[in-house]
Amino acid sequence: MVMTDERDGFPVLRRDVAGIDVGSEEHWVCAPSRTGDGRDVERFPATTPGLERLIAWLQDRRVRAVALERTGVYWIVPHEMLEQAEFEVRLVDTRELRRVPGRPKSDRRDCEWLQRLFSCGLLRGAFRPPETVCLLRTLVRDRATLIAERADWLRRMQKALDQMNVRVHRAVADLDGVTGMAIVRAIVGGERDPHRLAALRDYRCQKTEAAIAEQLTGHWRADHLFSLQQGLKMYDAITDRLADYEREILQQLAAMAQTDDTPPPPTNVNKARMIQKRGEEPLRQALYRISGVDLTTIDALGVETVNVILSEYGPDLSRFPTEKQFIAHLRLAPHQAISGGKPVRTPKKPQRRSARVTMALRMAATSLRRSRSALGAYYRRIAQRLGADVAVFATARKLAQWVYRVLRWGQPYVDEGAAVYEHRYRQARITRLAATAKDLGYALVSVEA
């Protein structure tokens, strides 16, 4: 039965809800009174004992659901402690709802407004994956931060080498490859002879030993050598920490496993070779066991990209009833504001949702520029008409569609090939041209070469 609050005039759907305005120093809470004929407002310190008293205060008023304002990072601890206390927690962004003309702005008013809107069913919760996925997400995000830091120290090492005119980056393709790191470690160890340094080349290097030695003569300044030594120490230290994170991620994935089956080998021979070369096969199998599907079968999606997707969303996408809602949450759905039947130019909004998954899909889309798959042909067709930026966006959207279909419905991904896509595109173009010619009173006739 719908109850009405005569003071505010809103139909109240739930009485057992509370609203919390989160802050860095204190939290304001509004909940029903013990008698149920009004609302109580209280504030609690943001410390752990303060949060424990807040939870006891809510339990005393028989509150079952809590609307939590998403403010910076201050909502994380209250959210986790309320979930542990078995409250139904709804994380909300009330920026639009609370900016009501004429309504006073204060922490007390905000928590009252949250509780009122929640009790009337007017708050939509933000997406937050299950707790096990959140644990995995923290590990994957920290690992990505370490990878970025290691790349920064690699650039510093290359700068120190350049300042000594030791052109390792000209001698080998990658400074962090087998040959590149062997040369750097030998230099730090005291070796200065370019021919001995060149002798460390891996047998797979395309350049000869003489060509490499020509690039490895420097003037060996002491300050640059010290910078190179410290950069190598930092690089090795971060590499060790990354190994720890990779082991912890595999343990977390093993705890989340839904099946013990082994995934079938990748159908793409080149992709299978790269996975083996990078040592990503254990991670691919672990990701398969938590989702039951192999997302790496989708063209352009590697193991790292799949790891980002599953760590941010988890294997269950039932929170998104349609693929369009999933794509919109990724901010991969084009939106044009219209007023009075005309497009309205609006400033670009900052990315607030799932930026990591979106960026991962856009990077994957970029790798399809020369692919012979149907997605590669689609990328080139869009790039030819609208430019590379639009092609990356549109192809990332296509990849998101396939991610949803494979995860949500188990639909297998089958690549029809670039030739089939081009043929279908040509037939559709002929059909459109024939319809246009017919409207103009002409007939479209093919000309044999």
Protein backbone atom coordinates (compact mmCIF):
# COMPACT_ATOMS: atom_id res chain seq x y z
CA MET A 1 0.00 0.00 0.00
CA VAL A 2 1.30 3.45 -0.89
CA MET A 3 1.65 5.79 2.05
CA THR A 4 1.65 9.57 1.70
CA ASP A 5 3.70 12.03 3.65
CA GLU A 6 1.48 15.07 4.06
CA ARG A 7 4.37 17.41 4.80
CA ASP A 8 6.22 16.93 1.49
CA GLY A 9 3.37 15.60 -0.64
CA PHE A 10 5.45 12.71 -2.08
CA PRO A 11 4.08 9.14 -2.18
CA VAL A 12 6.27 7.13 0.20
CA LEU A 13 7.03 3.62 -1.04
CA ARG A 14 9.45 2.50 1.70
CA ARG A 15 9.77 3.61 5.31
CA ASP A 16 12.77 1.49 6.30
CA VAL A 17 15.37 3.54 4.40
CA ALA A 18 18.00 6.07 5.40
CA GLY A 19 20.09 8.69 3.62
CA ILE A 20 23.72 9.52 4.39
CA ASP A 21 25.57 12.65 3.32
CA VAL A 22 29.22 11.59 3.28
CA GLY A 23 32.08 13.87 4.28
CA SER A 24 35.77 13.68 5.08
CA GLU A 25 35.33 14.55 8.78
CA GLU A 26 31.75 13.56 9.59
CA HIS A 27 28.68 11.87 8.10
CA TRP A 28 25.13 13.21 8.40
CA VAL A 29 22.44 10.52 8.59
CA CYS A 30 18.67 10.79 8.24
CA ALA A 31 16.50 7.81 9.17
CA PRO A 32 12.93 7.11 10.39
CA SER A 33 12.34 7.64 14.07
CA ARG A 34 11.80 4.72 16.41
CA THR A 35 8.05 5.38 16.53
CA GLY A 36 7.82 5.72 12.73
CA ASP A 37 5.94 9.03 12.80
CA GLY A 38 8.86 11.24 11.75
CA ARG A 39 12.53 11.37 10.86
CA ASP A 40 15.66 11.71 12.99
CA VAL A 41 18.89 13.35 11.88
CA GLU A 42 22.22 12.62 13.51
CA ARG A 43 25.86 13.16 12.66
CA PHE A 44 28.73 10.77 13.30
CA PRO A 45 32.50 11.16 13.00
CA ALA A 46 34.17 9.52 9.99
CA THR A 47 36.35 7.31 12.20
CA THR A 48 35.82 3.57 12.43
CA PRO A 49 34.25 3.77 15.94
CA GLY A 50 32.00 6.52 14.61
CA LEU A 51 30.88 4.31 11.73
CA GLU A 52 30.18 1.46 14.14
CA ARG A 53 27.94 3.77 16.18
CA LEU A 54 26.25 4.87 12.93
CA ILE A 55 25.47 1.24 12.06
CA ALA A 56 24.09 0.56 15.54
CA TRP A 57 21.97 3.72 15.28
CA LEU A 58 20.47 2.52 11.98
CA GLN A 59 19.83 -0.99 13.32
CA ASP A 60 18.03 0.49 16.32
CA ARG A 61 15.62 2.18 13.90
CA ARG A 62 15.12 -1.03 11.88
CA VAL A 63 16.58 0.45 8.70
CA ARG A 64 17.16 -2.09 5.95
CA ALA A 65 18.34 0.05 3.00
CA VAL A 66 20.69 3.02 2.90
CA ALA A 67 21.27 5.60 0.16
CA LEU A 68 24.91 6.66 0.20
CA GLU A 69 26.11 9.79 -1.51
CA ARG A 70 29.08 9.24 -3.81
CA THR A 71 31.57 11.88 -2.66
CA GLY A 72 35.25 11.50 -3.61
CA VAL A 73 36.68 8.41 -1.93
CA TYR A 74 34.98 9.04 1.41
CA TRP A 75 32.04 6.74 0.58
CA ILE A 76 34.18 3.60 0.21
CA VAL A 77 34.66 2.76 3.90
CA PRO A 78 31.01 3.43 4.91
CA HIS A 79 29.84 1.41 1.91
CA GLU A 80 31.98 -1.59 2.80
CA MET A 81 31.07 -1.52 6.51
CA LEU A 82 27.34 -1.16 5.76
CA GLU A 83 27.50 -4.11 3.35
CA GLN A 84 29.25 -6.19 6.01
CA ALA A 85 26.40 -5.30 8.38
CA GLU A 86 23.96 -6.72 5.75
CA PHE A 87 22.34 -3.43 4.78
CA GLU A 88 21.05 -2.92 1.25
CA VAL A 89 23.35 -0.10 0.11
CA ARG A 90 22.52 2.08 -2.88
CA LEU A 91 25.35 4.25 -4.13
CA VAL A 92 23.88 7.33 -5.82
CA ASP A 93 25.02 10.44 -7.62
CA THR A 94 22.49 13.08 -6.63
CA ARG A 95 24.14 16.04 -8.35
CA GLU A 96 21.15 16.68 -10.59
CA LEU A 97 18.46 15.86 -8.04
CA ARG A 98 19.73 17.96 -5.17
CA ARG A 99 20.12 21.14 -7.20
CA VAL A 100 16.51 22.14 -6.79
CA PRO A 101 15.83 25.90 -6.97
CA GLY A 102 14.87 27.35 -3.61
CA ARG A 103 16.07 24.37 -1.54
CA PRO A 104 18.65 25.36 1.09
CA LYS A 105 22.03 23.63 0.74
CA SER A 106 23.60 22.09 3.85
CA ASP A 107 24.80 18.68 4.98
CA ARG A 108 21.73 18.22 7.12
CA ARG A 109 19.39 19.15 4.29
CA ASP A 110 21.24 16.88 1.89
CA CYS A 111 20.82 13.76 4.03
CA GLU A 112 17.13 14.56 4.53
CA TRP A 113 16.71 15.03 0.80
CA LEU A 114 18.46 11.72 0.11
CA GLN A 115 16.24 9.87 2.55
CA ARG A 116 13.09 11.48 1.11
CA LEU A 117 13.93 10.65 -2.49
CA PHE A 118 14.98 7.10 -1.59
CA SER A 119 11.78 6.46 0.32
CA CYS A 120 9.81 7.63 -2.74
CA GLY A 121 11.74 5.43 -5.15
CA LEU A 122 13.34 8.35 -7.00
CA LEU A 123 17.00 7.36 -6.65
CA ARG A 124 18.77 5.20 -9.19
CA GLY A 125 21.79 3.34 -7.88
CA ALA A 126 25.18 3.44 -9.54
CA PHE A 127 26.72 0.22 -10.85
CA ARG A 128 29.02 -1.52 -8.40
CA PRO A 129 30.17 -5.11 -8.97
CA PRO A 130 30.06 -7.82 -6.27
CA GLU A 131 32.59 -7.76 -3.47
CA THR A 132 34.75 -10.53 -4.98
CA VAL A 133 35.04 -8.57 -8.22
CA CYS A 134 35.92 -5.43 -6.23
CA LEU A 135 38.81 -7.32 -4.63
CA LEU A 136 40.06 -8.37 -8.06
CA ARG A 137 39.56 -4.85 -9.41
CA THR A 138 41.81 -3.36 -6.74
CA LEU A 139 44.62 -5.75 -7.63
CA VAL A 140 44.32 -5.16 -11.37
CA ARG A 141 44.23 -1.38 -10.96
CA ASP A 142 47.28 -1.39 -8.68
CA ARG A 143 49.11 -3.59 -11.16
CA ALA A 144 48.29 -1.17 -13.99
CA THR A 145 49.71 1.68 -11.89
CA LEU A 146 52.93 -0.26 -11.35
CA ILE A 147 53.22 -0.99 -15.08
CA ALA A 148 52.93 2.73 -15.81
CA GLU A 149 55.58 3.50 -13.19
CA ARG A 150 57.93 0.87 -14.63
CA ALA A 151 57.50 2.36 -18.10
CA ASP A 152 58.41 5.76 -16.66
CA TRP A 153 61.65 4.40 -15.19
CA LEU A 154 62.41 2.71 -18.52
CA ARG A 155 62.14 6.11 -20.21
CA ARG A 156 64.53 7.56 -17.63
CA MET A 157 67.04 4.81 -18.36
CA GLN A 158 66.80 5.55 -22.07
CA LYS A 159 67.34 9.26 -21.36
CA ALA A 160 70.51 8.49 -19.39
CA LEU A 161 71.79 6.37 -22.28
CA ASP A 162 70.96 9.07 -24.82
CA GLN A 163 72.85 11.66 -22.78
CA MET A 164 75.92 9.43 -23.02
CA ASN A 165 75.28 8.90 -26.77
CA VAL A 166 74.85 5.18 -26.19
CA ARG A 167 72.15 4.49 -28.78
CA VAL A 168 70.72 1.25 -27.48
CA HIS A 169 67.28 2.15 -28.81
CA ARG A 170 68.84 2.34 -32.30
CA ALA A 171 70.68 -0.93 -31.89
CA VAL A 172 67.64 -2.97 -30.75
CA ALA A 173 63.89 -2.61 -31.19
CA ASP A 174 62.97 -2.58 -27.48
CA LEU A 175 65.10 -1.43 -24.59
CA ASP A 176 63.23 -3.81 -22.27
CA GLY A 177 63.77 -6.77 -24.61
CA VAL A 178 66.24 -9.60 -24.00
CA THR A 179 69.14 -7.95 -25.82
CA GLY A 180 68.39 -4.44 -24.60
CA MET A 181 68.26 -5.37 -20.91
CA ALA A 182 71.37 -7.56 -21.23
CA ILE A 183 73.30 -4.58 -22.64
CA VAL A 184 72.00 -2.22 -19.93
CA ARG A 185 72.92 -4.64 -17.13
CA ALA A 186 76.40 -5.09 -18.59
CA ILE A 187 76.91 -1.31 -18.75
CA VAL A 188 75.82 -0.94 -15.13
CA GLY A 189 78.17 -3.80 -14.27
CA GLY A 190 81.14 -1.86 -15.70
CA GLU A 191 81.44 -3.10 -19.29
CA ARG A 192 82.38 -0.35 -21.78
CA ASP A 193 83.69 -2.25 -24.83
CA PRO A 194 81.04 -1.89 -27.58
CA HIS A 195 81.99 -5.21 -29.21
CA ARG A 196 81.58 -7.13 -25.96
CA LEU A 197 78.27 -5.38 -25.40
CA ALA A 198 77.16 -6.26 -28.93
CA ALA A 199 78.11 -9.89 -28.31
CA LEU A 200 75.20 -10.06 -25.85
CA ARG A 201 72.69 -9.87 -28.72
CA ASP A 202 69.98 -12.50 -28.83
CA TYR A 203 70.11 -14.85 -31.82
CA ARG A 204 66.71 -13.52 -32.96
CA CYS A 205 68.01 -9.96 -33.46
CA GLN A 206 67.81 -8.80 -37.04
CA LYS A 207 70.86 -6.52 -36.83
CA THR A 208 74.33 -7.95 -36.96
CA GLU A 209 76.79 -7.76 -34.10
CA ALA A 210 78.88 -5.18 -35.98
CA ALA A 211 75.84 -2.95 -36.61
CA ILE A 212 74.93 -3.06 -32.93
CA ALA A 213 78.49 -2.32 -31.78
CA GLU A 214 78.59 0.82 -33.91
CA GLN A 215 75.74 2.31 -31.82
CA LEU A 216 77.21 1.45 -28.40
CA THR A 217 80.16 3.81 -28.08
CA GLY A 218 79.58 6.56 -25.51
CA HIS A 219 81.48 9.06 -23.39
CA TRP A 220 80.38 7.41 -20.08
CA ARG A 221 79.83 10.38 -17.75
CA ALA A 222 79.68 9.42 -14.09
CA ASP A 223 76.42 11.26 -13.31
CA HIS A 224 74.56 9.63 -16.20
CA LEU A 225 75.92 6.22 -15.25
CA PHE A 226 74.66 6.73 -11.70
CA SER A 227 71.22 7.72 -13.02
CA LEU A 228 71.18 4.61 -15.22
CA GLN A 229 72.11 2.43 -12.25
CA GLN A 230 69.35 3.84 -10.05
CA GLY A 231 66.82 3.56 -12.86
CA LEU A 232 67.68 -0.10 -13.34
CA LYS A 233 67.28 -0.76 -9.60
CA MET A 234 63.84 0.86 -9.62
CA TYR A 235 62.89 -1.07 -12.75
CA ASP A 236 63.87 -4.38 -11.15
CA ALA A 237 62.14 -3.53 -7.88
CA ILE A 238 58.86 -2.73 -9.65
CA THR A 239 59.19 -5.89 -11.75
CA ASP A 240 59.45 -7.94 -8.55
CA ARG A 241 56.34 -6.25 -7.15
CA LEU A 242 54.50 -6.94 -10.41
CA ALA A 243 55.30 -10.64 -10.05
CA ASP A 244 53.74 -10.56 -6.57
CA TYR A 245 50.62 -8.88 -7.94
CA GLU A 246 50.31 -11.41 -10.76
CA ARG A 247 50.45 -14.29 -8.28
CA GLU A 248 47.83 -12.62 -6.07
CA ILE A 249 45.56 -11.99 -9.07
CA LEU A 250 45.75 -15.65 -10.07
CA GLN A 251 44.88 -16.68 -6.50
CA GLN A 252 41.89 -14.33 -6.46
CA LEU A 253 40.72 -15.66 -9.82
CA ALA A 254 41.08 -19.24 -8.53
CA ALA A 255 38.83 -18.35 -5.57
CA MET A 256 36.22 -16.93 -7.99
CA ALA A 257 36.32 -19.92 -10.39
CA GLN A 258 32.93 -21.28 -11.47
CA THR A 259 34.25 -24.24 -13.44
CA ASP A 260 37.33 -26.47 -13.59
CA ASP A 261 37.22 -26.83 -17.37
CA THR A 262 40.18 -25.90 -19.53
CA PRO A 263 39.43 -23.41 -22.32
CA PRO A 264 39.94 -24.54 -25.91
CA PRO A 265 43.09 -23.20 -27.58
CA PRO A 266 42.70 -19.89 -29.46
CA THR A 267 41.58 -20.33 -33.06
CA ASN A 268 43.79 -17.44 -34.18
CA VAL A 269 47.29 -18.89 -34.57
CA ASN A 270 49.05 -15.51 -34.29
CA LYS A 271 47.14 -14.62 -31.14
CA ALA A 272 47.92 -18.02 -29.59
CA ARG A 273 51.62 -17.50 -30.34
CA MET A 274 51.64 -14.04 -28.72
CA ILE A 275 49.83 -15.33 -25.62
CA GLN A 276 52.44 -18.04 -25.19
CA LYS A 277 55.30 -15.61 -25.81
CA ARG A 278 54.04 -13.18 -23.16
CA GLY A 279 53.35 -15.94 -20.64
CA GLU A 280 49.63 -15.07 -20.44
CA GLU A 281 48.22 -18.58 -20.87
CA PRO A 282 47.68 -19.18 -17.08
CA LEU A 283 45.81 -15.86 -16.83
CA ARG A 284 43.69 -16.71 -19.90
CA GLN A 285 42.68 -20.02 -18.36
CA ALA A 286 41.88 -18.40 -15.00
CA LEU A 287 39.70 -15.77 -16.68
CA TYR A 288 37.88 -18.52 -18.57
CA ARG A 289 37.13 -20.38 -15.34
CA ILE A 290 35.39 -17.39 -13.72
CA SER A 291 33.28 -16.50 -16.77
CA GLY A 292 32.79 -19.81 -18.59
CA VAL A 293 33.57 -18.13 -21.94
CA ASP A 294 36.77 -17.16 -23.73
CA LEU A 295 36.59 -13.48 -24.64
CA THR A 296 39.97 -13.69 -26.35
CA THR A 297 38.20 -15.35 -29.30
CA ILE A 298 36.96 -11.87 -30.21
CA ASP A 299 39.35 -10.21 -32.64
CA ALA A 300 41.61 -7.54 -31.07
CA LEU A 301 40.82 -8.58 -27.49
CA GLY A 302 43.95 -9.85 -25.76
CA VAL A 303 44.30 -11.38 -22.32
CA GLU A 304 45.11 -8.03 -20.68
CA THR A 305 42.04 -6.38 -22.20
CA VAL A 306 39.82 -9.24 -21.00
CA ASN A 307 41.41 -8.96 -17.56
CA VAL A 308 40.45 -5.28 -17.40
CA ILE A 309 36.86 -5.96 -18.52
CA LEU A 310 36.21 -8.79 -16.06
CA SER A 311 37.89 -6.97 -13.18
CA GLU A 312 35.71 -3.89 -13.70
CA TYR A 313 32.35 -5.52 -14.46
CA GLY A 314 32.69 -9.15 -13.49
CA PRO A 315 31.31 -12.06 -15.51
CA ASP A 316 27.65 -11.22 -14.77
CA LEU A 317 26.17 -8.41 -16.89
CA SER A 318 22.56 -8.98 -15.85
CA ARG A 319 22.48 -5.47 -14.33
CA PHE A 320 22.30 -4.27 -17.94
CA PRO A 321 19.13 -5.73 -19.51
CA THR A 322 20.20 -4.76 -23.04
CA GLU A 323 23.48 -4.28 -24.82
CA LYS A 324 22.55 -0.66 -25.51
CA GLN A 325 22.48 0.05 -21.77
CA PHE A 326 25.87 -1.61 -21.37
CA ILE A 327 27.32 0.44 -24.23
CA ALA A 328 25.81 3.64 -22.81
CA HIS A 329 27.42 2.89 -19.44
CA LEU A 330 30.75 2.60 -21.24
CA ARG A 331 30.15 6.01 -22.86
CA LEU A 332 30.46 4.44 -26.28
CA ALA A 333 26.98 5.47 -27.42
CA PRO A 334 27.00 8.68 -29.52
CA HIS A 335 24.73 11.33 -28.07
CA GLN A 336 23.54 14.51 -29.72
CA ALA A 337 21.53 16.96 -27.61
CA ILE A 338 18.56 18.38 -29.57
CA SER A 339 16.42 21.37 -28.64
CA GLY A 340 13.67 22.75 -30.87
CA GLY A 341 14.51 20.17 -33.52
CA LYS A 342 18.08 21.47 -33.86
CA PRO A 343 21.36 20.02 -32.57
CA VAL A 344 22.68 21.79 -29.49
CA ARG A 345 26.36 22.22 -28.89
CA THR A 346 27.15 21.24 -25.33
CA PRO A 347 30.55 21.10 -23.62
CA LYS A 348 32.05 17.63 -23.44
CA LYS A 349 31.34 16.02 -20.10
CA PRO A 350 34.22 14.45 -18.19
CA GLN A 351 34.49 10.68 -18.28
CA ARG A 352 32.99 9.42 -15.02
CA ARG A 353 32.13 5.81 -15.79
CA SER A 354 34.24 2.82 -16.69
CA ALA A 355 37.05 4.87 -18.24
CA ARG A 356 39.46 1.94 -17.93
CA VAL A 357 37.28 -0.46 -19.92
CA THR A 358 36.51 2.19 -22.52
CA MET A 359 40.18 3.01 -23.00
CA ALA A 360 41.05 -0.69 -23.21
CA LEU A 361 38.44 -1.23 -25.92
CA ARG A 362 39.60 1.83 -27.84
CA MET A 363 43.19 0.60 -27.73
CA ALA A 364 42.00 -2.80 -28.96
CA ALA A 365 40.08 -1.12 -31.79
CA THR A 366 43.24 0.69 -32.88
CA SER A 367 44.97 -2.66 -33.46
CA LEU A 368 42.41 -3.57 -36.14
CA ARG A 369 43.68 -1.10 -38.72
CA ARG A 370 45.37 -3.79 -40.81
CA SER A 371 43.40 -6.80 -39.63
CA ARG A 372 41.91 -9.10 -42.26
CA SER A 373 38.89 -9.77 -40.07
CA ALA A 374 35.40 -8.37 -40.58
CA LEU A 375 35.98 -5.93 -37.71
CA GLY A 376 39.14 -4.76 -39.44
CA ALA A 377 37.23 -4.15 -42.67
CA TYR A 378 34.59 -2.26 -40.69
CA TYR A 379 37.29 -0.08 -39.10
CA ARG A 380 38.83 0.79 -42.47
CA ARG A 381 35.44 1.55 -44.01
CA ILE A 382 34.52 3.99 -41.23
CA ALA A 383 38.00 5.56 -41.27
CA GLN A 384 37.74 6.15 -45.02
CA ARG A 385 34.43 7.97 -44.65
CA LEU A 386 34.66 9.74 -41.29
CA GLY A 387 38.28 9.60 -40.12
CA ALA A 388 40.35 7.49 -37.75
CA ASP A 389 38.94 8.99 -34.53
CA VAL A 390 35.37 8.08 -35.43
CA ALA A 391 36.53 4.65 -36.63
CA VAL A 392 38.18 3.91 -33.26
CA PHE A 393 35.02 4.97 -31.39
CA ALA A 394 32.68 2.96 -33.66
CA THR A 395 34.86 -0.16 -33.60
CA ALA A 396 35.21 0.02 -29.81
CA ARG A 397 31.42 0.09 -29.69
CA LYS A 398 31.30 -3.03 -31.88
CA LEU A 399 33.74 -4.76 -29.54
CA ALA A 400 31.57 -3.80 -26.54
CA GLN A 401 28.56 -5.34 -28.30
CA TRP A 402 30.38 -8.63 -28.73
CA VAL A 403 31.64 -8.58 -25.14
CA TYR A 404 28.05 -8.23 -23.94
CA ARG A 405 26.72 -10.95 -26.23
CA VAL A 406 29.42 -13.44 -25.30
CA LEU A 407 29.23 -12.77 -21.54
CA ARG A 408 25.47 -12.29 -21.22
CA TRP A 409 24.10 -14.86 -23.65
CA GLY A 410 27.08 -17.09 -24.44
CA GLN A 411 26.83 -16.26 -28.14
CA PRO A 412 30.00 -17.53 -29.86
CA TYR A 413 32.02 -15.04 -31.84
CA VAL A 414 32.58 -16.08 -35.45
CA ASP A 415 34.69 -13.96 -37.76
CA GLU A 416 33.29 -13.98 -41.28
CA GLY A 417 36.40 -12.35 -42.75
CA ALA A 418 37.08 -9.07 -44.49
CA ALA A 419 36.10 -10.39 -47.94
CA VAL A 420 32.60 -11.40 -46.80
CA TYR A 421 32.12 -8.04 -45.07
CA GLU A 422 33.23 -6.12 -48.19
CA HIS A 423 30.89 -8.19 -50.37
CA ARG A 424 27.95 -7.57 -48.06
CA TYR A 425 28.76 -3.85 -47.93
CA ARG A 426 28.92 -3.73 -51.75
CA GLN A 427 25.57 -5.47 -52.10
CA ALA A 428 23.94 -3.07 -49.63
CA ARG A 429 25.40 -0.11 -51.53
CA ILE A 430 24.05 -1.46 -54.83
CA THR A 431 20.61 -1.87 -53.26
CA ARG A 432 20.63 1.75 -52.04
CA LEU A 433 21.78 3.05 -55.43
CA ALA A 434 19.08 1.04 -57.22
CA ALA A 435 16.40 2.45 -54.90
CA THR A 436 17.67 6.02 -55.48
CA ALA A 437 17.72 5.51 -59.27
CA LYS A 438 14.18 4.13 -59.18
CA ASP A 439 12.94 7.18 -57.24
CA LEU A 440 14.44 9.41 -59.94
CA GLY A 441 12.85 7.40 -62.75
CA TYR A 442 15.96 5.50 -63.84
CA ALA A 443 17.05 1.90 -63.83
CA LEU A 444 20.43 0.81 -62.51
CA VAL A 445 22.23 -1.45 -65.00
CA SER A 446 25.55 -3.16 -64.32
CA VAL A 447 28.38 -2.66 -66.78
CA GLU A 448 30.56 -5.66 -67.53
CA ALA A 449 34.27 -4.90 -67.50
